[in-house]
PDB file of N, CA and C in Angstrom:
ATOM      1  N   MET A   1    -103.540 104.004 -38.987  1.00  0.00           N
ATOM      2  CA  MET A   1    -103.925 105.474 -39.478  1.00  0.00           C
ATOM      3  C   MET A   1    -105.488 104.145 -40.069  1.00  0.00           C
ATOM      4  N   ALA A   2    -106.536 104.936 -40.065  1.00  0.00           N
ATOM      5  CA  ALA A   2    -107.854 104.458 -40.609  1.00  0.00           C
ATOM      6  C   ALA A   2    -107.601 104.461 -42.270  1.00  0.00           C
ATOM      7  N   VAL A   3    -108.471 104.015 -42.811  1.00  0.00           N
ATOM      8  CA  VAL A   3    -108.540 103.691 -44.487  1.00  0.00           C
ATOM      9  C   VAL A   3    -110.286 103.834 -44.653  1.00  0.00           C
ATOM     10  N   LEU A   4    -111.010 104.597 -45.437  1.00  0.00           N
ATOM     11  CA  LEU A   4    -111.681 104.708 -46.016  1.00  0.00           C
ATOM     12  C   LEU A   4    -112.255 103.947 -46.870  1.00  0.00           C
ATOM     13  N   SER A   5    -113.173 102.708 -46.821  1.00  0.00           N
ATOM     14  CA  SER A   5    -113.343 101.695 -47.482  1.00  0.00           C
ATOM     15  C   SER A   5    -114.594 101.781 -48.654  1.00  0.00           C
ATOM     16  N   ASN A   6    -115.751 102.073 -47.941  1.00  0.00           N
ATOM     17  CA  ASN A   6    -116.893 102.337 -48.874  1.00  0.00           C
ATOM     18  C   ASN A   6    -117.422 103.806 -48.770  1.00  0.00           C
ATOM     19  N   ASN A   7    -117.558 104.551 -49.382  1.00  0.00           N
ATOM     20  CA  ASN A   7    -118.204 106.028 -49.461  1.00  0.00           C
ATOM     21  C   ASN A   7    -119.404 105.908 -50.036  1.00  0.00           C
ATOM     22  N   SER A   8    -120.657 105.796 -48.963  1.00  0.00           N
ATOM     23  CA  SER A   8    -121.612 105.914 -49.977  1.00  0.00           C
ATOM     24  C   SER A   8    -122.614 106.260 -48.769  1.00  0.00           C
ATOM     25  N   TYR A   9    -123.742 107.179 -49.522  1.00  0.00           N
ATOM     26  CA  TYR A   9    -124.924 107.376 -48.675  1.00  0.00           C
ATOM     27  C   TYR A   9    -125.946 107.717 -49.509  1.00  0.00           C
ATOM     28  N   GLY A  10    -127.842 108.203 -49.013  1.00  0.00           N
ATOM     29  CA  GLY A  10    -128.192 108.241 -49.849  1.00  0.00           C
ATOM     30  C   GLY A  10    -129.515 108.164 -48.939  1.00  0.00           C
ATOM     31  N   LYS A  11    -130.940 108.264 -49.501  1.00  0.00           N
ATOM     32  CA  LYS A  11    -132.316 108.397 -49.291  1.00  0.00           C
ATOM     33  C   LYS A  11    -133.181 107.675 -49.514  1.00  0.00           C
ATOM     34  N   SER A  12    -133.764 107.084 -48.708  1.00  0.00           N
ATOM     35  CA  SER A  12    -135.074 105.712 -48.526  1.00  0.00           C
ATOM     36  C   SER A  12    -136.425 106.493 -48.511  1.00  0.00           C
ATOM     37  N   SER A  13    -136.839 105.217 -49.474  1.00  0.00           N
ATOM     38  CA  SER A  13    -138.752 105.734 -49.120  1.00  0.00           C
ATOM     39  C   SER A  13    -139.211 107.169 -49.501  1.00  0.00           C
ATOM     40  N   VAL A  14    -138.767 107.499 -50.750  1.00  0.00           N
ATOM     41  CA  VAL A  14    -139.302 108.909 -51.226  1.00  0.00           C
ATOM     42  C   VAL A  14    -140.619 108.416 -51.657  1.00  0.00           C
ATOM     43  N   ARG A  15    -141.623 109.042 -51.602  1.00  0.00           N
ATOM     44  CA  ARG A  15    -142.664 108.483 -51.850  1.00  0.00           C
ATOM     45  C   ARG A  15    -143.418 109.512 -53.017  1.00  0.00           C
ATOM     46  N   LEU A  16    -143.274 109.174 -54.274  1.00  0.00           N
ATOM     47  CA  LEU A  16    -143.908 109.681 -54.962  1.00  0.00           C
ATOM     48  C   LEU A  16    -145.322 109.374 -55.742  1.00  0.00           C
ATOM     49  N   VAL A  17    -146.494 110.113 -55.704  1.00  0.00           N
ATOM     50  CA  VAL A  17    -147.622 109.964 -56.215  1.00  0.00           C
ATOM     51  C   VAL A  17    -148.216 111.072 -57.461  1.00  0.00           C
ATOM     52  N   LYS A  18    -147.983 110.728 -58.857  1.00  0.00           N
ATOM     53  CA  LYS A  18    -148.650 111.378 -59.906  1.00  0.00           C
ATOM     54  C   LYS A  18    -149.985 111.388 -59.856  1.00  0.00           C
ATOM     55  N   VAL A  19    -150.721 112.422 -59.951  1.00  0.00           N
ATOM     56  CA  VAL A  19    -151.715 112.097 -61.271  1.00  0.00           C
ATOM     57  C   VAL A  19    -151.847 112.789 -62.568  1.00  0.00           C
ATOM     58  N   VAL A  20    -151.834 111.485 -63.524  1.00  0.00           N
ATOM     59  CA  VAL A  20    -151.630 112.479 -64.857  1.00  0.00           C
ATOM     60  C   VAL A  20    -153.607 112.562 -64.883  1.00  0.00           C
ATOM     61  N   ARG A  21    -154.078 113.957 -65.703  1.00  0.00           N
ATOM     62  CA  ARG A  21    -155.592 114.509 -66.072  1.00  0.00           C
ATOM     63  C   ARG A  21    -155.682 114.444 -67.391  1.00  0.00           C
ATOM     64  N   THR A  22    -156.571 114.017 -67.678  1.00  0.00           N
ATOM     65  CA  THR A  22    -156.976 114.075 -69.163  1.00  0.00           C
ATOM     66  C   THR A  22    -158.190 114.400 -69.217  1.00  0.00           C
ATOM     67  N   ALA A  23    -158.971 114.779 -70.299  1.00  0.00           N
ATOM     68  CA  ALA A  23    -160.182 115.032 -70.724  1.00  0.00           C
ATOM     69  C   ALA A  23    -160.952 113.722 -70.311  1.00  0.00           C
ATOM     70  N   ASP A  24    -160.520 112.612 -70.175  1.00  0.00           N
ATOM     71  CA  ASP A  24    -161.940 111.474 -69.831  1.00  0.00           C
ATOM     72  C   ASP A  24    -161.209 110.480 -68.886  1.00  0.00           C
ATOM     73  N   ARG A  25    -160.189 110.760 -68.385  1.00  0.00           N
ATOM     74  CA  ARG A  25    -159.464 109.595 -67.627  1.00  0.00           C
ATOM     75  C   ARG A  25    -158.325 110.433 -66.916  1.00  0.00           C
ATOM     76  N   HIS A  26    -158.089 109.599 -65.620  1.00  0.00           N
ATOM     77  CA  HIS A  26    -157.193 110.039 -64.993  1.00  0.00           C
ATOM     78  C   HIS A  26    -156.026 108.616 -64.521  1.00  0.00           C
ATOM     79  N   GLU A  27    -154.853 109.169 -64.297  1.00  0.00           N
ATOM     80  CA  GLU A  27    -154.249 107.759 -64.336  1.00  0.00           C
ATOM     81  C   GLU A  27    -153.280 108.280 -63.408  1.00  0.00           C
ATOM     82  N   LEU A  28    -152.813 107.503 -62.911  1.00  0.00           N
ATOM     83  CA  LEU A  28    -152.146 107.554 -61.413  1.00  0.00           C
ATOM     84  C   LEU A  28    -151.350 106.545 -61.372  1.00  0.00           C
ATOM     85  N   LYS A  29    -149.992 107.752 -60.759  1.00  0.00           N
ATOM     86  CA  LYS A  29    -148.559 106.680 -60.370  1.00  0.00           C
ATOM     87  C   LYS A  29    -148.077 106.573 -59.045  1.00  0.00           C
ATOM     88  N   ASP A  30    -147.752 105.881 -58.021  1.00  0.00           N
ATOM     89  CA  ASP A  30    -147.542 105.832 -57.179  1.00  0.00           C
ATOM     90  C   ASP A  30    -145.877 104.411 -56.978  1.00  0.00           C
ATOM     91  N   ILE A  31    -144.972 105.800 -56.590  1.00  0.00           N
ATOM     92  CA  ILE A  31    -143.834 105.049 -56.685  1.00  0.00           C
ATOM     93  C   ILE A  31    -143.146 105.262 -55.220  1.00  0.00           C
ATOM     94  N   ILE A  32    -142.765 104.797 -54.988  1.00  0.00           N
ATOM     95  CA  ILE A  32    -141.226 104.578 -53.530  1.00  0.00           C
ATOM     96  C   ILE A  32    -140.064 104.411 -54.355  1.00  0.00           C
ATOM     97  N   VAL A  33    -139.368 105.488 -53.948  1.00  0.00           N
ATOM     98  CA  VAL A  33    -138.008 105.612 -54.124  1.00  0.00           C
ATOM     99  C   VAL A  33    -136.827 105.390 -53.509  1.00  0.00           C
ATOM    100  N   ASP A  34    -135.654 104.425 -53.690  1.00  0.00           N
ATOM    101  CA  ASP A  34    -135.104 104.570 -53.214  1.00  0.00           C
ATOM    102  C   ASP A  34    -133.044 104.918 -53.699  1.00  0.00           C
ATOM    103  N   ILE A  35    -132.746 106.086 -53.494  1.00  0.00           N
ATOM    104  CA  ILE A  35    -131.209 106.568 -53.541  1.00  0.00           C
ATOM    105  C   ILE A  35    -130.042 105.974 -53.009  1.00  0.00           C
ATOM    106  N   GLN A  36    -128.883 105.914 -53.833  1.00  0.00           N
ATOM    107  CA  GLN A  36    -128.036 105.305 -53.093  1.00  0.00           C
ATOM    108  C   GLN A  36    -126.692 106.121 -54.009  1.00  0.00           C
ATOM    109  N   PHE A  37    -126.131 106.677 -53.186  1.00  0.00           N
ATOM    110  CA  PHE A  37    -124.782 107.682 -54.253  1.00  0.00           C
ATOM    111  C   PHE A  37    -123.461 106.599 -53.806  1.00  0.00           C
ATOM    112  N   THR A  38    -122.701 106.482 -54.276  1.00  0.00           N
ATOM    113  CA  THR A  38    -121.279 106.033 -54.287  1.00  0.00           C
ATOM    114  C   THR A  38    -120.345 106.359 -54.835  1.00  0.00           C
ATOM    115  N   GLY A  39    -118.786 107.348 -54.251  1.00  0.00           N
ATOM    116  CA  GLY A  39    -118.545 108.067 -54.607  1.00  0.00           C
ATOM    117  C   GLY A  39    -117.373 108.577 -53.822  1.00  0.00           C
ATOM    118  N   ALA A  40    -116.182 109.602 -54.497  1.00  0.00           N
ATOM    119  CA  ALA A  40    -115.337 110.213 -54.011  1.00  0.00           C
ATOM    120  C   ALA A  40    -115.673 110.907 -53.039  1.00  0.00           C
ATOM    121  N   PHE A  41    -115.876 110.887 -51.973  1.00  0.00           N
ATOM    122  CA  PHE A  41    -116.423 111.776 -50.907  1.00  0.00           C
ATOM    123  C   PHE A  41    -115.521 111.435 -49.576  1.00  0.00           C
ATOM    124  N   ASP A  42    -114.111 111.240 -49.653  1.00  0.00           N
ATOM    125  CA  ASP A  42    -113.202 111.272 -48.979  1.00  0.00           C
ATOM    126  C   ASP A  42    -113.221 112.783 -48.028  1.00  0.00           C
ATOM    127  N   LYS A  43    -113.154 113.606 -49.258  1.00  0.00           N
ATOM    128  CA  LYS A  43    -112.757 115.107 -47.913  1.00  0.00           C
ATOM    129  C   LYS A  43    -113.800 115.193 -46.938  1.00  0.00           C
ATOM    130  N   VAL A  44    -115.171 114.634 -46.926  1.00  0.00           N
ATOM    131  CA  VAL A  44    -116.026 114.862 -46.116  1.00  0.00           C
ATOM    132  C   VAL A  44    -115.145 114.275 -44.640  1.00  0.00           C
ATOM    133  N   TYR A  45    -114.300 113.167 -44.691  1.00  0.00           N
ATOM    134  CA  TYR A  45    -114.295 112.516 -43.460  1.00  0.00           C
ATOM    135  C   TYR A  45    -112.912 112.936 -42.957  1.00  0.00           C
ATOM    136  N   LEU A  46    -112.194 113.154 -44.050  1.00  0.00           N
ATOM    137  CA  LEU A  46    -111.139 113.970 -43.788  1.00  0.00           C
ATOM    138  C   LEU A  46    -111.255 115.038 -43.680  1.00  0.00           C
ATOM    139  N   ASP A  47    -111.179 115.888 -44.786  1.00  0.00           N
ATOM    140  CA  ASP A  47    -111.085 117.490 -44.521  1.00  0.00           C
ATOM    141  C   ASP A  47    -112.343 118.514 -43.728  1.00  0.00           C
ATOM    142  N   GLY A  48    -113.339 117.648 -43.382  1.00  0.00           N
ATOM    143  CA  GLY A  48    -114.816 118.307 -43.268  1.00  0.00           C
ATOM    144  C   GLY A  48    -115.033 119.300 -44.043  1.00  0.00           C
ATOM    145  N   ASP A  49    -115.539 118.927 -45.446  1.00  0.00           N
ATOM    146  CA  ASP A  49    -115.685 119.304 -46.628  1.00  0.00           C
ATOM    147  C   ASP A  49    -116.399 118.813 -47.494  1.00  0.00           C
ATOM    148  N   ASN A  50    -117.853 119.436 -47.268  1.00  0.00           N
ATOM    149  CA  ASN A  50    -118.640 118.597 -47.861  1.00  0.00           C
ATOM    150  C   ASN A  50    -119.675 119.555 -48.794  1.00  0.00           C
ATOM    151  N   ARG A  51    -118.953 120.218 -49.240  1.00  0.00           N
ATOM    152  CA  ARG A  51    -119.434 121.373 -50.561  1.00  0.00           C
ATOM    153  C   ARG A  51    -119.955 120.657 -52.112  1.00  0.00           C
ATOM    154  N   ASN A  52    -119.234 119.231 -51.748  1.00  0.00           N
ATOM    155  CA  ASN A  52    -119.725 118.068 -53.211  1.00  0.00           C
ATOM    156  C   ASN A  52    -120.670 117.209 -52.942  1.00  0.00           C
ATOM    157  N   VAL A  53    -120.845 117.452 -51.492  1.00  0.00           N
ATOM    158  CA  VAL A  53    -122.247 116.566 -51.127  1.00  0.00           C
ATOM    159  C   VAL A  53    -123.477 116.731 -51.172  1.00  0.00           C
ATOM    160  N   LEU A  54    -124.401 116.061 -52.171  1.00  0.00           N
ATOM    161  CA  LEU A  54    -125.841 116.589 -52.318  1.00  0.00           C
ATOM    162  C   LEU A  54    -126.796 116.316 -51.411  1.00  0.00           C
ATOM    163  N   PRO A  55    -127.270 117.043 -49.971  1.00  0.00           N
ATOM    164  CA  PRO A  55    -128.271 116.940 -49.063  1.00  0.00           C
ATOM    165  C   PRO A  55    -129.637 115.849 -49.501  1.00  0.00           C
ATOM    166  N   THR A  56    -129.839 115.052 -48.693  1.00  0.00           N
ATOM    167  CA  THR A  56    -130.966 113.803 -49.182  1.00  0.00           C
ATOM    168  C   THR A  56    -131.974 114.424 -49.084  1.00  0.00           C
ATOM    169  N   ASP A  57    -132.266 115.539 -49.005  1.00  0.00           N
ATOM    170  CA  ASP A  57    -133.547 116.510 -49.219  1.00  0.00           C
ATOM    171  C   ASP A  57    -133.472 116.808 -50.424  1.00  0.00           C
ATOM    172  N   THR A  58    -132.005 117.211 -50.758  1.00  0.00           N
ATOM    173  CA  THR A  58    -132.341 117.633 -52.490  1.00  0.00           C
ATOM    174  C   THR A  58    -132.656 116.292 -53.257  1.00  0.00           C
ATOM    175  N   MET A  59    -131.884 115.042 -52.915  1.00  0.00           N
ATOM    176  CA  MET A  59    -132.818 114.256 -53.599  1.00  0.00           C
ATOM    177  C   MET A  59    -133.592 113.632 -53.895  1.00  0.00           C
ATOM    178  N   LYS A  60    -134.313 113.965 -52.697  1.00  0.00           N
ATOM    179  CA  LYS A  60    -135.868 113.870 -52.966  1.00  0.00           C
ATOM    180  C   LYS A  60    -136.739 114.793 -53.531  1.00  0.00           C
ATOM    181  N   ASN A  61    -135.866 116.071 -53.285  1.00  0.00           N
ATOM    182  CA  ASN A  61    -136.512 117.236 -54.103  1.00  0.00           C
ATOM    183  C   ASN A  61    -136.463 116.851 -55.287  1.00  0.00           C
ATOM    184  N   THR A  62    -135.419 116.539 -55.786  1.00  0.00           N
ATOM    185  CA  THR A  62    -135.091 116.418 -57.353  1.00  0.00           C
ATOM    186  C   THR A  62    -136.036 115.126 -57.819  1.00  0.00           C
ATOM    187  N   VAL A  63    -136.524 114.573 -57.225  1.00  0.00           N
ATOM    188  CA  VAL A  63    -137.195 112.998 -57.609  1.00  0.00           C
ATOM    189  C   VAL A  63    -138.608 114.027 -57.899  1.00  0.00           C
ATOM    190  N   TYR A  64    -139.268 114.627 -57.120  1.00  0.00           N
ATOM    191  CA  TYR A  64    -140.208 115.203 -57.204  1.00  0.00           C
ATOM    192  C   TYR A  64    -140.321 116.349 -58.665  1.00  0.00           C
ATOM    193  N   ALA A  65    -139.083 117.380 -58.076  1.00  0.00           N
ATOM    194  CA  ALA A  65    -138.658 117.892 -59.747  1.00  0.00           C
ATOM    195  C   ALA A  65    -139.074 117.357 -61.107  1.00  0.00           C
ATOM    196  N   LEU A  66    -138.149 116.112 -61.050  1.00  0.00           N
ATOM    197  CA  LEU A  66    -137.812 115.492 -62.346  1.00  0.00           C
ATOM    198  C   LEU A  66    -139.389 114.687 -63.068  1.00  0.00           C
ATOM    199  N   ALA A  67    -140.123 113.997 -61.814  1.00  0.00           N
ATOM    200  CA  ALA A  67    -141.397 113.567 -62.077  1.00  0.00           C
ATOM    201  C   ALA A  67    -142.315 114.338 -62.759  1.00  0.00           C
ATOM    202  N   LYS A  68    -142.250 116.001 -62.108  1.00  0.00           N
ATOM    203  CA  LYS A  68    -143.170 116.753 -62.784  1.00  0.00           C
ATOM    204  C   LYS A  68    -143.240 117.061 -63.830  1.00  0.00           C
ATOM    205  N   LYS A  69    -142.114 116.733 -64.521  1.00  0.00           N
ATOM    206  CA  LYS A  69    -141.436 117.194 -65.885  1.00  0.00           C
ATOM    207  C   LYS A  69    -141.628 115.631 -66.868  1.00  0.00           C
ATOM    208  N   HIS A  70    -141.324 114.913 -66.326  1.00  0.00           N
ATOM    209  CA  HIS A  70    -141.632 113.487 -66.791  1.00  0.00           C
ATOM    210  C   HIS A  70    -142.700 113.005 -66.827  1.00  0.00           C
ATOM    211  N   PRO A  71    -143.368 112.265 -68.009  1.00  0.00           N
ATOM    212  CA  PRO A  71    -144.614 111.465 -68.572  1.00  0.00           C
ATOM    213  C   PRO A  71    -144.583 110.499 -67.417  1.00  0.00           C
ATOM    214  N   LEU A  72    -143.501 109.939 -67.121  1.00  0.00           N
ATOM    215  CA  LEU A  72    -143.741 108.380 -65.791  1.00  0.00           C
ATOM    216  C   LEU A  72    -144.880 107.483 -66.539  1.00  0.00           C
ATOM    217  N   ARG A  73    -144.286 107.136 -68.287  1.00  0.00           N
ATOM    218  CA  ARG A  73    -144.689 105.754 -68.707  1.00  0.00           C
ATOM    219  C   ARG A  73    -144.299 104.707 -67.658  1.00  0.00           C
ATOM    220  N   THR A  74    -143.102 104.790 -67.612  1.00  0.00           N
ATOM    221  CA  THR A  74    -142.754 103.163 -67.239  1.00  0.00           C
ATOM    222  C   THR A  74    -141.817 103.730 -65.789  1.00  0.00           C
ATOM    223  N   VAL A  75    -141.768 102.812 -64.517  1.00  0.00           N
ATOM    224  CA  VAL A  75    -140.676 103.355 -63.680  1.00  0.00           C
ATOM    225  C   VAL A  75    -139.107 103.339 -64.166  1.00  0.00           C
ATOM    226  N   GLU A  76    -138.820 102.091 -65.059  1.00  0.00           N
ATOM    227  CA  GLU A  76    -137.796 101.963 -65.767  1.00  0.00           C
ATOM    228  C   GLU A  76    -137.653 103.404 -66.565  1.00  0.00           C
ATOM    229  N   GLU A  77    -137.851 103.960 -67.493  1.00  0.00           N
ATOM    230  CA  GLU A  77    -137.518 105.431 -68.208  1.00  0.00           C
ATOM    231  C   GLU A  77    -137.187 106.606 -66.891  1.00  0.00           C
ATOM    232  N   PHE A  78    -138.219 106.611 -66.338  1.00  0.00           N
ATOM    233  CA  PHE A  78    -137.969 107.247 -64.880  1.00  0.00           C
ATOM    234  C   PHE A  78    -136.738 107.323 -64.204  1.00  0.00           C
ATOM    235  N   GLY A  79    -136.395 105.834 -63.817  1.00  0.00           N
ATOM    236  CA  GLY A  79    -135.138 105.755 -63.157  1.00  0.00           C
ATOM    237  C   GLY A  79    -133.859 105.943 -63.880  1.00  0.00           C
ATOM    238  N   LEU A  80    -134.371 105.658 -65.321  1.00  0.00           N
ATOM    239  CA  LEU A  80    -133.179 106.081 -65.960  1.00  0.00           C
ATOM    240  C   LEU A  80    -132.576 107.829 -66.146  1.00  0.00           C
ATOM    241  N   ALA A  81    -134.191 108.524 -66.101  1.00  0.00           N
ATOM    242  CA  ALA A  81    -133.790 109.605 -66.291  1.00  0.00           C
ATOM    243  C   ALA A  81    -133.171 110.227 -64.916  1.00  0.00           C
ATOM    244  N   LEU A  82    -133.683 109.711 -63.787  1.00  0.00           N
ATOM    245  CA  LEU A  82    -133.281 110.199 -62.859  1.00  0.00           C
ATOM    246  C   LEU A  82    -131.794 109.831 -62.227  1.00  0.00           C
ATOM    247  N   ALA A  83    -131.467 108.849 -62.653  1.00  0.00           N
ATOM    248  CA  ALA A  83    -130.132 108.089 -62.267  1.00  0.00           C
ATOM    249  C   ALA A  83    -129.069 109.423 -63.595  1.00  0.00           C
ATOM    250  N   GLU A  84    -129.658 109.322 -64.889  1.00  0.00           N
ATOM    251  CA  GLU A  84    -128.803 110.360 -65.976  1.00  0.00           C
ATOM    252  C   GLU A  84    -128.799 111.568 -65.441  1.00  0.00           C
ATOM    253  N   HIS A  85    -129.506 112.156 -64.689  1.00  0.00           N
ATOM    254  CA  HIS A  85    -129.310 113.425 -64.092  1.00  0.00           C
ATOM    255  C   HIS A  85    -128.366 113.460 -63.077  1.00  0.00           C
ATOM    256  N   PHE A  86    -128.522 112.796 -62.065  1.00  0.00           N
ATOM    257  CA  PHE A  86    -127.807 112.806 -61.274  1.00  0.00           C
ATOM    258  C   PHE A  86    -125.954 112.524 -60.961  1.00  0.00           C
ATOM    259  N   ILE A  87    -126.174 111.651 -62.047  1.00  0.00           N
ATOM    260  CA  ILE A  87    -124.472 111.239 -62.454  1.00  0.00           C
ATOM    261  C   ILE A  87    -123.965 112.838 -63.221  1.00  0.00           C
ATOM    262  N   ARG A  88    -124.826 113.126 -64.013  1.00  0.00           N
ATOM    263  CA  ARG A  88    -124.516 114.605 -64.910  1.00  0.00           C
ATOM    264  C   ARG A  88    -124.036 115.471 -64.065  1.00  0.00           C
ATOM    265  N   ASN A  89    -124.949 115.964 -63.144  1.00  0.00           N
ATOM    266  CA  ASN A  89    -124.651 117.118 -62.188  1.00  0.00           C
ATOM    267  C   ASN A  89    -124.078 116.824 -60.580  1.00  0.00           C
ATOM    268  N   ASN A  90    -123.346 115.871 -60.492  1.00  0.00           N
ATOM    269  CA  ASN A  90    -122.421 115.372 -59.213  1.00  0.00           C
ATOM    270  C   ASN A  90    -121.427 114.488 -59.805  1.00  0.00           C
ATOM    271  N   PRO A  91    -120.029 115.803 -59.912  1.00  0.00           N
ATOM    272  CA  PRO A  91    -119.077 115.271 -60.637  1.00  0.00           C
ATOM    273  C   PRO A  91    -118.403 113.935 -59.499  1.00  0.00           C
ATOM    274  N   ASP A  92    -118.661 114.236 -58.363  1.00  0.00           N
ATOM    275  CA  ASP A  92    -118.015 113.200 -57.055  1.00  0.00           C
ATOM    276  C   ASP A  92    -118.584 112.039 -57.219  1.00  0.00           C
ATOM    277  N   LEU A  93    -119.414 111.655 -57.860  1.00  0.00           N
ATOM    278  CA  LEU A  93    -120.658 110.406 -57.912  1.00  0.00           C
ATOM    279  C   LEU A  93    -119.211 109.364 -58.947  1.00  0.00           C
ATOM    280  N   SER A  94    -119.617 108.367 -58.409  1.00  0.00           N
ATOM    281  CA  SER A  94    -119.183 107.138 -59.243  1.00  0.00           C
ATOM    282  C   SER A  94    -120.256 105.650 -59.862  1.00  0.00           C
ATOM    283  N   LYS A  95    -120.853 106.061 -58.555  1.00  0.00           N
ATOM    284  CA  LYS A  95    -122.231 105.387 -59.123  1.00  0.00           C
ATOM    285  C   LYS A  95    -123.514 105.897 -58.249  1.00  0.00           C
ATOM    286  N   VAL A  96    -124.867 105.506 -58.984  1.00  0.00           N
ATOM    287  CA  VAL A  96    -126.240 105.959 -58.105  1.00  0.00           C
ATOM    288  C   VAL A  96    -126.453 104.539 -58.786  1.00  0.00           C
ATOM    289  N   THR A  97    -127.430 103.747 -57.566  1.00  0.00           N
ATOM    290  CA  THR A  97    -128.529 102.674 -57.456  1.00  0.00           C
ATOM    291  C   THR A  97    -129.623 103.268 -56.798  1.00  0.00           C
ATOM    292  N   LEU A  98    -130.686 102.778 -57.495  1.00  0.00           N
ATOM    293  CA  LEU A  98    -131.770 103.391 -57.717  1.00  0.00           C
ATOM    294  C   LEU A  98    -132.600 102.320 -57.789  1.00  0.00           C
ATOM    295  N   ASP A  99    -133.460 101.937 -56.165  1.00  0.00           N
ATOM    296  CA  ASP A  99    -134.783 101.245 -56.582  1.00  0.00           C
ATOM    297  C   ASP A  99    -135.960 101.656 -56.585  1.00  0.00           C
ATOM    298  N   LEU A 100    -136.711 101.028 -57.556  1.00  0.00           N
ATOM    299  CA  LEU A 100    -138.296 101.557 -57.623  1.00  0.00           C
ATOM    300  C   LEU A 100    -139.318 100.831 -57.495  1.00  0.00           C
ATOM    301  N   ILE A 101    -140.213 101.006 -56.962  1.00  0.00           N
ATOM    302  CA  ILE A 101    -141.086 100.320 -56.735  1.00  0.00           C
ATOM    303  C   ILE A 101    -142.315 100.807 -57.216  1.00  0.00           C
ATOM    304  N   GLU A 102    -143.270 100.492 -57.816  1.00  0.00           N
ATOM    305  CA  GLU A 102    -144.657 100.988 -58.364  1.00  0.00           C
ATOM    306  C   GLU A 102    -145.683  99.987 -57.447  1.00  0.00           C
ATOM    307  N   ASN A 103    -146.618 100.799 -56.926  1.00  0.00           N
ATOM    308  CA  ASN A 103    -147.662 100.348 -56.194  1.00  0.00           C
ATOM    309  C   ASN A 103    -148.798 100.728 -57.182  1.00  0.00           C
ATOM    310  N   MET A 104    -149.393  99.452 -57.602  1.00  0.00           N
ATOM    311  CA  MET A 104    -150.163  99.418 -58.583  1.00  0.00           C
ATOM    312  C   MET A 104    -152.116  99.821 -58.085  1.00  0.00           C
ATOM    313  N   TRP A 105    -152.459 100.463 -58.568  1.00  0.00           N
ATOM    314  CA  TRP A 105    -153.940 101.004 -57.688  1.00  0.00           C
ATOM    315  C   TRP A 105    -155.051 100.163 -59.406  1.00  0.00           C
ATOM    316  N   ASN A 106    -155.917 100.098 -58.633  1.00  0.00           N
ATOM    317  CA  ASN A 106    -157.106  99.504 -59.402  1.00  0.00           C
ATOM    318  C   ASN A 106    -158.319 100.184 -59.284  1.00  0.00           C
ATOM    319  N   ARG A 107    -158.651 100.288 -60.803  1.00  0.00           N
ATOM    320  CA  ARG A 107    -160.327 101.456 -60.603  1.00  0.00           C
ATOM    321  C   ARG A 107    -160.775 100.660 -59.524  1.00  0.00           C
ATOM    322  N   ILE A 108    -162.371 101.495 -58.721  1.00  0.00           N
ATOM    323  CA  ILE A 108    -163.140 100.921 -58.022  1.00  0.00           C
ATOM    324  C   ILE A 108    -164.254 100.861 -58.972  1.00  0.00           C
ATOM    325  N   PRO A 109    -164.837  99.733 -59.311  1.00  0.00           N
ATOM    326  CA  PRO A 109    -166.045  99.805 -60.304  1.00  0.00           C
ATOM    327  C   PRO A 109    -167.256 100.569 -60.108  1.00  0.00           C
ATOM    328  N   VAL A 110    -167.352 101.519 -59.737  1.00  0.00           N
ATOM    329  CA  VAL A 110    -168.312 102.305 -59.488  1.00  0.00           C
ATOM    330  C   VAL A 110    -168.611 102.943 -61.066  1.00  0.00           C
ATOM    331  N   SER A 111    -170.299 102.915 -61.385  1.00  0.00           N
ATOM    332  CA  SER A 111    -170.529 103.391 -62.569  1.00  0.00           C
ATOM    333  C   SER A 111    -171.007 104.557 -62.305  1.00  0.00           C
ATOM    334  N   SER A 112    -171.265 105.110 -63.067  1.00  0.00           N
ATOM    335  CA  SER A 112    -171.489 107.002 -63.345  1.00  0.00           C
ATOM    336  C   SER A 112    -173.107 106.865 -63.398  1.00  0.00           C
ATOM    337  N   ALA A 113    -173.979 107.916 -63.661  1.00  0.00           N
ATOM    338  CA  ALA A 113    -175.527 108.085 -63.833  1.00  0.00           C
ATOM    339  C   ALA A 113    -175.225 107.039 -65.621  1.00  0.00           C
ATOM    340  N   SER A 114    -174.605 107.385 -65.923  1.00  0.00           N
ATOM    341  CA  SER A 114    -175.095 106.654 -67.441  1.00  0.00           C
ATOM    342  C   SER A 114    -174.895 105.141 -67.411  1.00  0.00           C
ATOM    343  N   GLY A 115    -174.074 104.357 -66.396  1.00  0.00           N
ATOM    344  CA  GLY A 115    -173.536 103.341 -66.012  1.00  0.00           C
ATOM    345  C   GLY A 115    -172.608 102.926 -66.485  1.00  0.00           C
ATOM    346  N   ALA A 116    -171.747 104.035 -67.111  1.00  0.00           N
ATOM    347  CA  ALA A 116    -169.664 103.618 -67.691  1.00  0.00           C
ATOM    348  C   ALA A 116    -169.318 103.858 -66.198  1.00  0.00           C
ATOM    349  N   PRO A 117    -168.365 102.766 -66.248  1.00  0.00           N
ATOM    350  CA  PRO A 117    -167.409 103.187 -65.310  1.00  0.00           C
ATOM    351  C   PRO A 117    -166.527 104.237 -65.431  1.00  0.00           C
ATOM    352  N   SER A 118    -165.835 104.644 -63.942  1.00  0.00           N
ATOM    353  CA  SER A 118    -165.531 105.617 -63.472  1.00  0.00           C
ATOM    354  C   SER A 118    -164.509 106.269 -64.203  1.00  0.00           C
ATOM    355  N   PRO A 119    -163.820 107.102 -64.611  1.00  0.00           N
ATOM    356  CA  PRO A 119    -162.805 107.505 -65.424  1.00  0.00           C
ATOM    357  C   PRO A 119    -161.607 107.951 -64.265  1.00  0.00           C
ATOM    358  N   HIS A 120    -162.261 108.000 -62.986  1.00  0.00           N
ATOM    359  CA  HIS A 120    -161.033 108.228 -62.212  1.00  0.00           C
ATOM    360  C   HIS A 120    -160.405 107.123 -61.279  1.00  0.00           C
ATOM    361  N   PRO A 121    -159.242 107.336 -60.760  1.00  0.00           N
ATOM    362  CA  PRO A 121    -158.758 106.275 -60.094  1.00  0.00           C
ATOM    363  C   PRO A 121    -159.288 106.627 -58.433  1.00  0.00           C
TER     364      PRO A 121
END
């Protein structure tokens, strides 16, 4: 008889770019998110019941939806909010593993007509 040992799945390389526009400056966040769910997914394999499995595109769209509402001050704060959301709304999960990588952007040293650095990324 077969035995299921590791029940996990996820979505890799979710690319998130968010521009926060203020009156005098634009800030850019560029983050790549990898999501891994571990939990009680035996029913999927044993009974063909995938009602409690969150589709990977829904994982991706959740990243985008939370990012829209979240200030994204740090990737750690955003990762915590994302993990809490997934755990709270998916009872079959026992563990969520997130890897977040922030790609840093530098401003191009272009001066405006007044000689001041450009406020835009």
